[in-house]
Amino acid sequence: MENNQVDEVVTAVMSSNDIVYMQEKGNLDMQISTAKQYPRNVRRSVENSIAIVTMDSETASTCSYSLPRGGKTITGASVHLAKILAQNWGNLRIEAKVVSIDAKHITSQAVAFDLENNLAIKVEVKRSITDKYGKRYSDDMITMTGNAGNSIAMRNAILSVIPKAVVDKVYNEAKKTITGDISDNSKLIAKRKQVLDAFKDVYAVTEAEVLKVIGKATIDHIDSDNLVTLIGIGQAIKDGDTTIEETFRKKDKTTTATTTTDMGELEVKVSDELKKKSKKGELPLEG
């Protein structure tokens, strides 16, 4: 009797799993069939994407990110541009989710499936969930970090499926619109002030910190390319690609090491001088 009940339970579970699998397979087959029936128009997809990203400078500004790394600045297409491309490229199936959380890291996974070309790309992104003191984030911060990881993974998956030539063409058009009209010096000065004031008011970043990141001595040396970089850094901070501390206030390990070495050499020199004076009887007696 008991064996019969167990067999019935196993059969029921297998039947349930089979139903879910068949439903998922049926949905996917239908999507692939629809994609084949209505193939994308590449030219129209590119033109529509460009029309959206160049709609205004605010939209264009969300399409680029910048990350200072090792004395250089890495720039690229943001998750917002990836979404715009995906919407206009069409015939894509995209999903992103957190797949694991351990004591120190959270891992996000995204899949972009080109239904028309039968190409699927899976990407995983691992993010730290501890602060600089090694303390684990709160539940809310872990959720936010997971969402940021999902966005980054989704961006990387989408940009891996859509041809690079298409991505670059749309991205380059967006960059031309990011700064808006700075055709004369007065407009350039106004845009500089707007960008610097935004960093100061929103993130409490000083003028000196901004200049250090872009490698400029004064505000007057900030050109249009630097403005694109700064706007991209602001977008990267908003999207969770980086933080204020990592970008503007990261400690210079090289400087610290040099200072420690110099102090060590100074201590050795002082010690040698004291020994010499002690031998000559120049040091005062204790007591």
C-alpha atoms as a PDB file:
ATOM      1  CA  MET A   1       0.000   0.000   0.000  1.00  0.00           C
ATOM      2  CA  GLU A   2       2.765   2.420   0.981  1.00  0.00           C
ATOM      3  CA  ASN A   3       4.766   1.583  -2.151  1.00  0.00           C
ATOM      4  CA  ASN A   4       1.769   2.351  -4.306  1.00  0.00           C
ATOM      5  CA  GLN A   5       1.395   5.774  -2.644  1.00  0.00           C
ATOM      6  CA  VAL A   6       5.085   6.570  -3.211  1.00  0.00           C
ATOM      7  CA  ASP A   7       4.799   5.553  -6.874  1.00  0.00           C
ATOM      8  CA  GLU A   8       1.770   7.800  -7.254  1.00  0.00           C
ATOM      9  CA  VAL A   9       3.642  10.768  -5.716  1.00  0.00           C
ATOM     10  CA  VAL A  10       6.702  10.252  -7.962  1.00  0.00           C
ATOM     11  CA  THR A  11       4.484   9.946 -11.020  1.00  0.00           C
ATOM     12  CA  ALA A  12       2.625  13.130 -10.056  1.00  0.00           C
ATOM     13  CA  VAL A  13       5.903  15.075  -9.615  1.00  0.00           C
ATOM     14  CA  MET A  14       7.284  13.816 -12.918  1.00  0.00           C
ATOM     15  CA  SER A  15       4.039  14.699 -14.639  1.00  0.00           C
ATOM     16  CA  SER A  16       4.148  18.209 -13.151  1.00  0.00           C
ATOM     17  CA  ASN A  17       7.758  18.747 -14.290  1.00  0.00           C
ATOM     18  CA  ASP A  18       6.906  17.424 -17.741  1.00  0.00           C
ATOM     19  CA  ILE A  19       4.005  19.857 -18.008  1.00  0.00           C
ATOM     20  CA  VAL A  20       6.185  22.835 -17.076  1.00  0.00           C
ATOM     21  CA  TYR A  21       8.861  21.730 -19.559  1.00  0.00           C
ATOM     22  CA  MET A  22       6.365  21.262 -22.384  1.00  0.00           C
ATOM     23  CA  GLN A  23       4.771  24.643 -21.695  1.00  0.00           C
ATOM     24  CA  GLU A  24       8.153  26.380 -21.707  1.00  0.00           C
ATOM     25  CA  LYS A  25       9.218  24.560 -24.861  1.00  0.00           C
ATOM     26  CA  GLY A  26       5.929  25.431 -26.546  1.00  0.00           C
ATOM     27  CA  ASN A  27       6.348  29.131 -25.684  1.00  0.00           C
ATOM     28  CA  LEU A  28       9.920  29.170 -26.953  1.00  0.00           C
ATOM     29  CA  ASP A  29       9.021  27.368 -30.191  1.00  0.00           C
ATOM     30  CA  MET A  30       6.242  29.879 -30.791  1.00  0.00           C
ATOM     31  CA  GLN A  31       8.598  32.817 -30.214  1.00  0.00           C
ATOM     32  CA  ILE A  32      11.193  31.366 -32.586  1.00  0.00           C
ATOM     33  CA  SER A  33       8.497  30.724 -35.206  1.00  0.00           C
ATOM     34  CA  THR A  34       7.239  34.310 -34.879  1.00  0.00           C
ATOM     35  CA  ALA A  35      10.811  35.666 -35.166  1.00  0.00           C
ATOM     36  CA  LYS A  36      11.365  33.678 -38.349  1.00  0.00           C
ATOM     37  CA  GLN A  37       8.046  34.857 -39.746  1.00  0.00           C
ATOM     38  CA  TYR A  38       8.764  38.529 -38.996  1.00  0.00           C
ATOM     39  CA  PRO A  39      12.570  39.003 -39.354  1.00  0.00           C
ATOM     40  CA  ARG A  40      14.137  42.249 -38.207  1.00  0.00           C
ATOM     41  CA  ASN A  41      15.009  45.085 -40.545  1.00  0.00           C
ATOM     42  CA  VAL A  42      18.613  45.925 -39.570  1.00  0.00           C
ATOM     43  CA  ARG A  43      18.641  49.364 -41.176  1.00  0.00           C
ATOM     44  CA  ARG A  44      15.388  50.380 -39.546  1.00  0.00           C
ATOM     45  CA  SER A  45      16.548  49.011 -36.175  1.00  0.00           C
ATOM     46  CA  VAL A  46      19.724  51.121 -36.307  1.00  0.00           C
ATOM     47  CA  GLU A  47      17.904  54.249 -37.469  1.00  0.00           C
ATOM     48  CA  ASN A  48      15.240  53.947 -34.785  1.00  0.00           C
ATOM     49  CA  SER A  49      17.887  53.426 -32.088  1.00  0.00           C
ATOM     50  CA  ILE A  50      19.814  56.501 -33.230  1.00  0.00           C
ATOM     51  CA  ALA A  51      16.625  58.561 -33.297  1.00  0.00           C
ATOM     52  CA  ILE A  52      15.955  57.701 -29.648  1.00  0.00           C
ATOM     53  CA  VAL A  53      19.485  58.178 -28.246  1.00  0.00           C
ATOM     54  CA  THR A  54      19.874  61.546 -30.006  1.00  0.00           C
ATOM     55  CA  MET A  55      16.443  62.779 -28.939  1.00  0.00           C
ATOM     56  CA  ASP A  56      18.040  65.141 -26.401  1.00  0.00           C
ATOM     57  CA  SER A  57      21.207  65.481 -24.315  1.00  0.00           C
ATOM     58  CA  GLU A  58      19.506  64.012 -21.224  1.00  0.00           C
ATOM     59  CA  THR A  59      18.704  60.763 -23.032  1.00  0.00           C
ATOM     60  CA  ALA A  60      22.129  60.656 -24.660  1.00  0.00           C
ATOM     61  CA  SER A  61      23.808  61.139 -21.264  1.00  0.00           C
ATOM     62  CA  THR A  62      22.294  57.899 -19.975  1.00  0.00           C
ATOM     63  CA  CYS A  63      23.843  55.921 -22.861  1.00  0.00           C
ATOM     64  CA  SER A  64      27.479  56.070 -21.736  1.00  0.00           C
ATOM     65  CA  TYR A  65      29.434  55.135 -18.622  1.00  0.00           C
ATOM     66  CA  SER A  66      33.013  55.919 -17.575  1.00  0.00           C
ATOM     67  CA  LEU A  67      35.131  54.115 -14.965  1.00  0.00           C
ATOM     68  CA  PRO A  68      38.579  55.353 -13.857  1.00  0.00           C
ATOM     69  CA  ARG A  69      40.813  52.278 -13.593  1.00  0.00           C
ATOM     70  CA  GLY A  70      44.578  52.109 -13.078  1.00  0.00           C
ATOM     71  CA  GLY A  71      45.218  55.683 -14.164  1.00  0.00           C
ATOM     72  CA  LYS A  72      43.045  55.306 -17.281  1.00  0.00           C
ATOM     73  CA  THR A  73      39.355  55.825 -17.973  1.00  0.00           C
ATOM     74  CA  ILE A  74      37.266  53.002 -19.391  1.00  0.00           C
ATOM     75  CA  THR A  75      34.192  54.139 -21.315  1.00  0.00           C
ATOM     76  CA  GLY A  76      31.428  52.155 -22.945  1.00  0.00           C
ATOM     77  CA  ALA A  77      27.750  51.676 -23.683  1.00  0.00           C
ATOM     78  CA  SER A  78      25.524  51.702 -20.583  1.00  0.00           C
ATOM     79  CA  VAL A  79      22.665  49.381 -19.677  1.00  0.00           C
ATOM     80  CA  HIS A  80      20.237  52.078 -20.845  1.00  0.00           C
ATOM     81  CA  LEU A  81      21.730  52.043 -24.340  1.00  0.00           C
ATOM     82  CA  ALA A  82      21.651  48.231 -24.285  1.00  0.00           C
ATOM     83  CA  LYS A  83      17.914  48.325 -23.507  1.00  0.00           C
ATOM     84  CA  ILE A  84      17.243  50.817 -26.303  1.00  0.00           C
ATOM     85  CA  LEU A  85      19.163  48.624 -28.740  1.00  0.00           C
ATOM     86  CA  ALA A  86      17.305  45.500 -27.589  1.00  0.00           C
ATOM     87  CA  GLN A  87      13.917  47.165 -27.976  1.00  0.00           C
ATOM     88  CA  ASN A  88      14.670  48.216 -31.539  1.00  0.00           C
ATOM     89  CA  TRP A  89      16.701  45.163 -32.582  1.00  0.00           C
ATOM     90  CA  GLY A  90      13.757  42.941 -31.752  1.00  0.00           C
ATOM     91  CA  ASN A  91      13.286  39.156 -31.720  1.00  0.00           C
ATOM     92  CA  LEU A  92      15.256  38.895 -28.468  1.00  0.00           C
ATOM     93  CA  ARG A  93      14.428  37.043 -25.282  1.00  0.00           C
ATOM     94  CA  ILE A  94      16.230  38.493 -22.258  1.00  0.00           C
ATOM     95  CA  GLU A  95      16.236  37.685 -18.558  1.00  0.00           C
ATOM     96  CA  ALA A  96      18.430  38.524 -15.566  1.00  0.00           C
ATOM     97  CA  LYS A  97      18.386  37.159 -12.023  1.00  0.00           C
ATOM     98  CA  VAL A  98      20.487  36.579  -8.918  1.00  0.00           C
ATOM     99  CA  VAL A  99      21.710  32.970  -8.902  1.00  0.00           C
ATOM    100  CA  SER A 100      23.747  32.811  -5.694  1.00  0.00           C
ATOM    101  CA  ILE A 101      24.634  34.708  -2.509  1.00  0.00           C
ATOM    102  CA  ASP A 102      27.454  33.748  -0.172  1.00  0.00           C
ATOM    103  CA  ALA A 103      29.154  35.466   2.760  1.00  0.00           C
ATOM    104  CA  LYS A 104      31.060  37.952   0.617  1.00  0.00           C
ATOM    105  CA  HIS A 105      29.613  37.986  -2.906  1.00  0.00           C
ATOM    106  CA  ILE A 106      26.370  38.019  -4.858  1.00  0.00           C
ATOM    107  CA  THR A 107      26.269  36.552  -8.362  1.00  0.00           C
ATOM    108  CA  SER A 108      23.909  37.742 -11.091  1.00  0.00           C
ATOM    109  CA  GLN A 109      23.215  35.883 -14.311  1.00  0.00           C
ATOM    110  CA  ALA A 110      21.691  37.204 -17.540  1.00  0.00           C
ATOM    111  CA  VAL A 111      20.763  35.469 -20.780  1.00  0.00           C
ATOM    112  CA  ALA A 112      20.142  37.157 -24.131  1.00  0.00           C
ATOM    113  CA  PHE A 113      18.640  34.861 -26.767  1.00  0.00           C
ATOM    114  CA  ASP A 114      18.463  36.001 -30.398  1.00  0.00           C
ATOM    115  CA  LEU A 115      15.421  33.989 -31.497  1.00  0.00           C
ATOM    116  CA  GLU A 116      15.901  34.797 -35.159  1.00  0.00           C
ATOM    117  CA  ASN A 117      19.546  33.681 -35.363  1.00  0.00           C
ATOM    118  CA  ASN A 118      19.312  30.949 -32.696  1.00  0.00           C
ATOM    119  CA  LEU A 119      22.123  32.530 -30.659  1.00  0.00           C
ATOM    120  CA  ALA A 120      22.069  32.615 -26.849  1.00  0.00           C
ATOM    121  CA  ILE A 121      24.677  34.302 -24.623  1.00  0.00           C
ATOM    122  CA  LYS A 122      24.808  33.742 -20.864  1.00  0.00           C
ATOM    123  CA  VAL A 123      26.781  36.157 -18.663  1.00  0.00           C
ATOM    124  CA  GLU A 124      27.522  36.093 -14.930  1.00  0.00           C
ATOM    125  CA  VAL A 125      28.599  39.068 -12.820  1.00  0.00           C
ATOM    126  CA  LYS A 126      29.921  38.782  -9.259  1.00  0.00           C
ATOM    127  CA  ARG A 127      29.659  41.752  -6.879  1.00  0.00           C
ATOM    128  CA  SER A 128      31.051  42.219  -3.376  1.00  0.00           C
ATOM    129  CA  ILE A 129      28.544  42.579  -0.518  1.00  0.00           C
ATOM    130  CA  THR A 130      31.047  43.659   2.130  1.00  0.00           C
ATOM    131  CA  ASP A 131      32.323  47.144   2.910  1.00  0.00           C
ATOM    132  CA  LYS A 132      35.967  48.220   3.169  1.00  0.00           C
ATOM    133  CA  TYR A 133      36.048  46.960   6.769  1.00  0.00           C
ATOM    134  CA  GLY A 134      34.853  43.489   5.754  1.00  0.00           C
ATOM    135  CA  LYS A 135      31.400  43.979   7.291  1.00  0.00           C
ATOM    136  CA  ARG A 136      28.508  42.404   5.385  1.00  0.00           C
ATOM    137  CA  TYR A 137      25.941  44.760   3.841  1.00  0.00           C
ATOM    138  CA  SER A 138      22.427  45.108   5.211  1.00  0.00           C
ATOM    139  CA  ASP A 139      19.599  43.237   3.461  1.00  0.00           C
ATOM    140  CA  ASP A 140      18.513  46.404   1.611  1.00  0.00           C
ATOM    141  CA  MET A 141      22.048  47.067   0.372  1.00  0.00           C
ATOM    142  CA  ILE A 142      22.404  43.445  -0.745  1.00  0.00           C
ATOM    143  CA  THR A 143      19.160  43.789  -2.718  1.00  0.00           C
ATOM    144  CA  MET A 144      20.421  46.996  -4.349  1.00  0.00           C
ATOM    145  CA  THR A 145      23.762  45.356  -5.161  1.00  0.00           C
ATOM    146  CA  GLY A 146      21.920  42.416  -6.700  1.00  0.00           C
ATOM    147  CA  ASN A 147      19.816  44.733  -8.854  1.00  0.00           C
ATOM    148  CA  ALA A 148      22.956  46.539 -10.011  1.00  0.00           C
ATOM    149  CA  GLY A 149      24.587  43.195 -10.804  1.00  0.00           C
ATOM    150  CA  ASN A 150      21.532  42.123 -12.799  1.00  0.00           C
ATOM    151  CA  SER A 151      21.685  45.338 -14.847  1.00  0.00           C
ATOM    152  CA  ILE A 152      25.389  44.919 -15.591  1.00  0.00           C
ATOM    153  CA  ALA A 153      24.953  41.260 -16.540  1.00  0.00           C
ATOM    154  CA  MET A 154      21.994  42.097 -18.777  1.00  0.00           C
ATOM    155  CA  ARG A 155      23.954  44.878 -20.486  1.00  0.00           C
ATOM    156  CA  ASN A 156      26.882  42.567 -21.174  1.00  0.00           C
ATOM    157  CA  ALA A 157      24.605  39.818 -22.515  1.00  0.00           C
ATOM    158  CA  ILE A 158      22.682  42.140 -24.843  1.00  0.00           C
ATOM    159  CA  LEU A 159      25.838  43.788 -26.181  1.00  0.00           C
ATOM    160  CA  SER A 160      27.299  40.318 -26.822  1.00  0.00           C
ATOM    161  CA  VAL A 161      24.326  39.269 -28.969  1.00  0.00           C
ATOM    162  CA  ILE A 162      23.822  42.440 -31.009  1.00  0.00           C
ATOM    163  CA  PRO A 163      26.649  42.942 -33.566  1.00  0.00           C
ATOM    164  CA  LYS A 164      29.421  45.276 -32.353  1.00  0.00           C
ATOM    165  CA  ALA A 165      29.189  47.350 -35.550  1.00  0.00           C
ATOM    166  CA  VAL A 166      25.579  48.194 -34.703  1.00  0.00           C
ATOM    167  CA  VAL A 167      26.375  48.973 -31.062  1.00  0.00           C
ATOM    168  CA  ASP A 168      29.314  51.225 -31.981  1.00  0.00           C
ATOM    169  CA  LYS A 169      27.343  53.148 -34.597  1.00  0.00           C
ATOM    170  CA  VAL A 170      24.509  53.987 -32.210  1.00  0.00           C
ATOM    171  CA  TYR A 171      26.877  54.640 -29.290  1.00  0.00           C
ATOM    172  CA  ASN A 172      29.011  57.083 -31.295  1.00  0.00           C
ATOM    173  CA  GLU A 173      25.912  59.039 -32.319  1.00  0.00           C
ATOM    174  CA  ALA A 174      24.849  59.223 -28.679  1.00  0.00           C
ATOM    175  CA  LYS A 175      28.263  60.581 -27.632  1.00  0.00           C
ATOM    176  CA  LYS A 176      27.919  63.442 -30.121  1.00  0.00           C
ATOM    177  CA  THR A 177      24.724  64.526 -28.359  1.00  0.00           C
ATOM    178  CA  ILE A 178      25.782  64.052 -24.730  1.00  0.00           C
ATOM    179  CA  THR A 179      27.280  67.499 -24.124  1.00  0.00           C
ATOM    180  CA  GLY A 180      24.635  69.402 -26.045  1.00  0.00           C
ATOM    181  CA  ASP A 181      25.550  72.603 -27.869  1.00  0.00           C
ATOM    182  CA  ILE A 182      29.023  73.790 -26.776  1.00  0.00           C
ATOM    183  CA  SER A 183      29.893  75.435 -30.077  1.00  0.00           C
ATOM    184  CA  ASP A 184      31.377  78.551 -28.451  1.00  0.00           C
ATOM    185  CA  ASN A 185      33.401  79.239 -25.307  1.00  0.00           C
ATOM    186  CA  SER A 186      30.533  80.707 -23.286  1.00  0.00           C
ATOM    187  CA  LYS A 187      28.424  77.575 -23.818  1.00  0.00           C
ATOM    188  CA  LEU A 188      31.402  75.359 -22.904  1.00  0.00           C
ATOM    189  CA  ILE A 189      31.931  77.325 -19.683  1.00  0.00           C
ATOM    190  CA  ALA A 190      28.230  77.009 -18.808  1.00  0.00           C
ATOM    191  CA  LYS A 191      28.299  73.247 -19.402  1.00  0.00           C
ATOM    192  CA  ARG A 192      31.449  72.875 -17.256  1.00  0.00           C
ATOM    193  CA  LYS A 193      29.722  74.701 -14.416  1.00  0.00           C
ATOM    194  CA  GLN A 194      26.588  72.573 -14.782  1.00  0.00           C
ATOM    195  CA  VAL A 195      28.538  69.294 -14.612  1.00  0.00           C
ATOM    196  CA  LEU A 196      30.785  70.377 -11.708  1.00  0.00           C
ATOM    197  CA  ASP A 197      27.833  71.779  -9.747  1.00  0.00           C
ATOM    198  CA  ALA A 198      25.991  68.469 -10.210  1.00  0.00           C
ATOM    199  CA  PHE A 199      28.894  66.507  -8.721  1.00  0.00           C
ATOM    200  CA  LYS A 200      29.135  68.978  -5.834  1.00  0.00           C
ATOM    201  CA  ASP A 201      25.409  69.170  -5.049  1.00  0.00           C
ATOM    202  CA  VAL A 202      24.472  65.517  -5.559  1.00  0.00           C
ATOM    203  CA  TYR A 203      27.630  63.675  -4.460  1.00  0.00           C
ATOM    204  CA  ALA A 204      29.558  66.298  -2.426  1.00  0.00           C
ATOM    205  CA  VAL A 205      32.542  65.858  -4.761  1.00  0.00           C
ATOM    206  CA  THR A 206      34.964  68.780  -4.727  1.00  0.00           C
ATOM    207  CA  GLU A 207      36.442  70.534  -7.728  1.00  0.00           C
ATOM    208  CA  ALA A 208      39.908  69.242  -6.810  1.00  0.00           C
ATOM    209  CA  GLU A 209      38.654  65.628  -6.733  1.00  0.00           C
ATOM    210  CA  VAL A 210      37.096  65.999 -10.185  1.00  0.00           C
ATOM    211  CA  LEU A 211      40.250  67.522 -11.669  1.00  0.00           C
ATOM    212  CA  LYS A 212      42.397  64.745 -10.195  1.00  0.00           C
ATOM    213  CA  VAL A 213      40.280  62.010 -11.805  1.00  0.00           C
ATOM    214  CA  ILE A 214      40.448  63.516 -15.299  1.00  0.00           C
ATOM    215  CA  GLY A 215      44.073  64.624 -14.933  1.00  0.00           C
ATOM    216  CA  LYS A 216      43.577  68.359 -15.387  1.00  0.00           C
ATOM    217  CA  ALA A 217      45.215  71.225 -13.511  1.00  0.00           C
ATOM    218  CA  THR A 218      42.369  73.765 -13.696  1.00  0.00           C
ATOM    219  CA  ILE A 219      38.731  73.970 -14.731  1.00  0.00           C
ATOM    220  CA  ASP A 220      39.719  75.953 -17.830  1.00  0.00           C
ATOM    221  CA  HIS A 221      41.475  72.854 -19.191  1.00  0.00           C
ATOM    222  CA  ILE A 222      38.280  70.760 -19.192  1.00  0.00           C
ATOM    223  CA  ASP A 223      37.276  70.165 -22.820  1.00  0.00           C
ATOM    224  CA  SER A 224      34.324  68.443 -24.491  1.00  0.00           C
ATOM    225  CA  ASP A 225      35.901  64.977 -24.213  1.00  0.00           C
ATOM    226  CA  ASN A 226      36.447  65.488 -20.479  1.00  0.00           C
ATOM    227  CA  LEU A 227      32.800  66.504 -20.106  1.00  0.00           C
ATOM    228  CA  VAL A 228      31.692  63.281 -21.813  1.00  0.00           C
ATOM    229  CA  THR A 229      33.916  61.338 -19.400  1.00  0.00           C
ATOM    230  CA  LEU A 230      32.535  63.140 -16.328  1.00  0.00           C
ATOM    231  CA  ILE A 231      28.931  62.668 -17.440  1.00  0.00           C
ATOM    232  CA  GLY A 232      29.729  58.997 -18.002  1.00  0.00           C
ATOM    233  CA  ILE A 233      31.180  58.707 -14.486  1.00  0.00           C
ATOM    234  CA  GLY A 234      28.008  60.220 -13.073  1.00  0.00           C
ATOM    235  CA  GLN A 235      25.936  57.670 -14.988  1.00  0.00           C
ATOM    236  CA  ALA A 236      28.157  54.802 -13.803  1.00  0.00           C
ATOM    237  CA  ILE A 237      27.589  55.899 -10.187  1.00  0.00           C
ATOM    238  CA  LYS A 238      23.811  56.036 -10.740  1.00  0.00           C
ATOM    239  CA  ASP A 239      23.795  52.569 -12.329  1.00  0.00           C
ATOM    240  CA  GLY A 240      25.861  51.023  -9.547  1.00  0.00           C
ATOM    241  CA  ASP A 241      28.906  50.303 -11.738  1.00  0.00           C
ATOM    242  CA  THR A 242      31.081  52.227  -9.283  1.00  0.00           C
ATOM    243  CA  THR A 243      30.866  54.362  -6.141  1.00  0.00           C
ATOM    244  CA  ILE A 244      31.956  57.823  -5.048  1.00  0.00           C
ATOM    245  CA  GLU A 245      34.677  56.324  -2.847  1.00  0.00           C
ATOM    246  CA  GLU A 246      36.071  54.081  -5.590  1.00  0.00           C
ATOM    247  CA  THR A 247      36.090  56.855  -8.165  1.00  0.00           C
ATOM    248  CA  PHE A 248      37.139  59.989  -6.308  1.00  0.00           C
ATOM    249  CA  ARG A 249      38.510  58.974  -2.915  1.00  0.00           C
ATOM    250  CA  LYS A 250      40.362  55.738  -3.444  1.00  0.00           C
ATOM    251  CA  LYS A 251      43.596  55.672  -1.464  1.00  0.00           C
ATOM    252  CA  ASP A 252      46.805  55.786  -3.482  1.00  0.00           C
ATOM    253  CA  LYS A 253      48.667  52.634  -2.426  1.00  0.00           C
ATOM    254  CA  THR A 254      51.795  53.725  -4.249  1.00  0.00           C
ATOM    255  CA  THR A 255      51.935  56.987  -2.340  1.00  0.00           C
ATOM    256  CA  THR A 256      51.382  55.205   0.979  1.00  0.00           C
ATOM    257  CA  ALA A 257      54.138  52.688   0.251  1.00  0.00           C
ATOM    258  CA  THR A 258      56.561  55.427  -0.728  1.00  0.00           C
ATOM    259  CA  THR A 259      55.789  57.392   2.430  1.00  0.00           C
ATOM    260  CA  THR A 260      56.351  54.312   4.598  1.00  0.00           C
ATOM    261  CA  THR A 261      59.678  53.646   2.898  1.00  0.00           C
ATOM    262  CA  ASP A 262      60.753  57.251   3.342  1.00  0.00           C
ATOM    263  CA  MET A 263      59.849  57.153   7.027  1.00  0.00           C
ATOM    264  CA  GLY A 264      61.833  53.938   7.425  1.00  0.00           C
ATOM    265  CA  GLU A 265      64.888  55.536   5.835  1.00  0.00           C
ATOM    266  CA  LEU A 266      64.447  58.594   8.060  1.00  0.00           C
ATOM    267  CA  GLU A 267      64.304  56.419  11.182  1.00  0.00           C
ATOM    268  CA  VAL A 268      67.529  54.656  10.164  1.00  0.00           C
ATOM    269  CA  LYS A 269      69.290  57.997   9.581  1.00  0.00           C
ATOM    270  CA  VAL A 270      68.114  59.399  12.940  1.00  0.00           C
ATOM    271  CA  SER A 271      69.230  56.211  14.690  1.00  0.00           C
ATOM    272  CA  ASP A 272      72.700  56.439  13.094  1.00  0.00           C
ATOM    273  CA  GLU A 273      73.048  60.095  14.126  1.00  0.00           C
ATOM    274  CA  LEU A 274      72.090  59.262  17.720  1.00  0.00           C
ATOM    275  CA  LYS A 275      74.659  56.485  17.847  1.00  0.00           C
ATOM    276  CA  LYS A 276      77.391  58.838  16.590  1.00  0.00           C
ATOM    277  CA  LYS A 277      76.498  61.502  19.158  1.00  0.00           C
ATOM    278  CA  SER A 278      76.340  58.898  21.927  1.00  0.00           C
ATOM    279  CA  LYS A 279      79.895  57.760  21.148  1.00  0.00           C
ATOM    280  CA  LYS A 280      81.136  61.360  21.227  1.00  0.00           C
ATOM    281  CA  GLY A 281      79.348  62.015  24.538  1.00  0.00           C
ATOM    282  CA  GLU A 282      77.159  64.732  23.009  1.00  0.00           C
ATOM    283  CA  LEU A 283      73.846  63.288  24.239  1.00  0.00           C
ATOM    284  CA  PRO A 284      72.480  64.503  27.616  1.00  0.00           C
ATOM    285  CA  LEU A 285      72.368  61.953  30.429  1.00  0.00           C
ATOM    286  CA  GLU A 286      68.961  60.661  31.565  1.00  0.00           C
ATOM    287  CA  GLY A 287      67.744  61.472  35.037  1.00  0.00           C
END
